[in-house]
């Protein structure tokens, strides 16, 4: 046989299995631009969420002492701070 699939198993799919220790090099070309755009969008949203949580924490820490004096529980306070905005 003269093709690259030898009956002796020396070549299979263009790979030389008869030479042990020989390096195999594979070249892969892939378009990842859409994936990168998606990851950047996720990163932007994560930054926004982190900023919002930091702001919530700051407000919560300022209001918590007053809420304690008025017998408002932590759970009630958090539910008041994170309730959805009502659009007019």
Protein backbone atom coordinates (compact mmCIF):
# COMPACT_ATOMS: atom_id res chain seq x y z
CA UNK A 1 0.00 0.00 0.00
CA UNK A 2 1.19 3.50 -0.74
CA UNK A 3 -1.37 5.57 1.17
CA UNK A 4 -0.81 6.79 4.72
CA UNK A 5 -2.85 3.99 6.29
CA UNK A 6 -0.40 1.11 6.36
CA UNK A 7 -1.45 -2.46 6.97
CA UNK A 8 1.47 -2.72 9.37
CA UNK A 9 0.04 0.07 11.57
CA UNK A 10 3.05 2.28 10.99
CA UNK A 11 0.99 5.23 9.74
CA UNK A 12 -2.57 5.93 10.82
CA UNK A 13 -4.28 9.12 9.79
CA UNK A 14 -0.99 10.71 8.81
CA UNK A 15 0.66 10.12 12.19
CA UNK A 16 3.92 8.17 12.34
CA UNK A 17 3.50 5.69 15.19
CA UNK A 18 6.68 3.80 14.28
CA UNK A 19 8.97 6.56 15.57
CA UNK A 20 8.59 6.65 19.38
CA UNK A 21 9.22 9.98 21.05
CA UNK A 22 8.51 11.99 17.91
CA UNK A 23 6.60 15.18 18.71
CA UNK A 24 3.17 15.76 17.27
CA UNK A 25 2.27 19.30 16.28
CA UNK A 26 -1.36 20.27 15.76
CA UNK A 27 -2.46 23.66 14.44
CA UNK A 28 -5.96 24.83 15.37
CA UNK A 29 -7.60 27.93 14.00
CA UNK A 30 -10.77 29.11 15.73
CA UNK A 31 -12.85 32.26 15.65
CA UNK A 32 -13.43 33.24 19.26
CA UNK A 33 -14.48 36.85 18.75
CA UNK A 34 -18.13 36.18 19.64
CA UNK A 35 -17.09 34.29 22.76
CA UNK A 36 -14.81 37.16 23.81
CA UNK A 37 -17.60 39.69 23.28
CA UNK A 38 -19.88 37.57 25.46
CA UNK A 39 -17.28 37.25 28.19
CA UNK A 40 -16.65 41.00 28.16
CA UNK A 41 -20.40 41.62 28.48
CA UNK A 42 -20.56 39.25 31.45
CA UNK A 43 -17.58 41.02 33.01
CA UNK A 44 -19.28 44.43 32.61
CA UNK A 45 -22.45 43.15 34.26
CA UNK A 46 -20.45 41.55 37.07
CA UNK A 47 -18.74 44.90 37.73
CA UNK A 48 -22.14 46.63 37.87
CA UNK A 49 -23.48 44.00 40.27
CA UNK A 50 -20.41 44.33 42.48
CA UNK A 51 -20.81 48.11 42.60
CA UNK A 52 -24.51 47.76 43.46
CA UNK A 53 -23.74 45.31 46.28
CA UNK A 54 -21.07 47.63 47.65
CA UNK A 55 -23.55 50.51 47.63
CA UNK A 56 -26.18 48.32 49.33
CA UNK A 57 -23.67 47.35 52.01
CA UNK A 58 -22.78 50.99 52.68
CA UNK A 59 -26.42 52.05 52.96
CA UNK A 60 -27.26 49.02 55.11
CA UNK A 61 -24.39 49.78 57.52
CA UNK A 62 -25.54 53.42 57.85
CA UNK A 63 -29.20 52.54 58.46
CA UNK A 64 -28.73 49.44 60.63
CA UNK A 65 -28.10 51.27 63.96
CA UNK A 66 -31.25 53.39 63.51
CA UNK A 67 -33.28 50.35 62.47
CA UNK A 68 -32.16 48.50 65.61
CA UNK A 69 -33.39 51.39 67.76
CA UNK A 70 -36.78 51.15 66.05
CA UNK A 71 -36.95 47.36 66.49
CA UNK A 72 -36.65 46.67 62.76
CA UNK A 73 -35.07 43.26 62.15
CA UNK A 74 -32.16 42.75 59.77
CA UNK A 75 -34.41 40.75 57.46
CA UNK A 76 -37.04 43.51 57.35
CA UNK A 77 -34.38 46.13 56.70
CA UNK A 78 -32.84 44.15 53.85
CA UNK A 79 -36.24 43.48 52.29
CA UNK A 80 -36.95 47.23 52.33
CA UNK A 81 -33.57 48.05 50.77
CA UNK A 82 -33.70 45.48 47.98
CA UNK A 83 -37.34 45.62 46.98
CA UNK A 84 -37.92 46.17 43.25
CA UNK A 85 -38.39 49.70 42.03
CA UNK A 86 -41.94 50.64 41.19
CA UNK A 87 -42.15 52.47 37.88
CA UNK A 88 -44.66 55.31 37.58
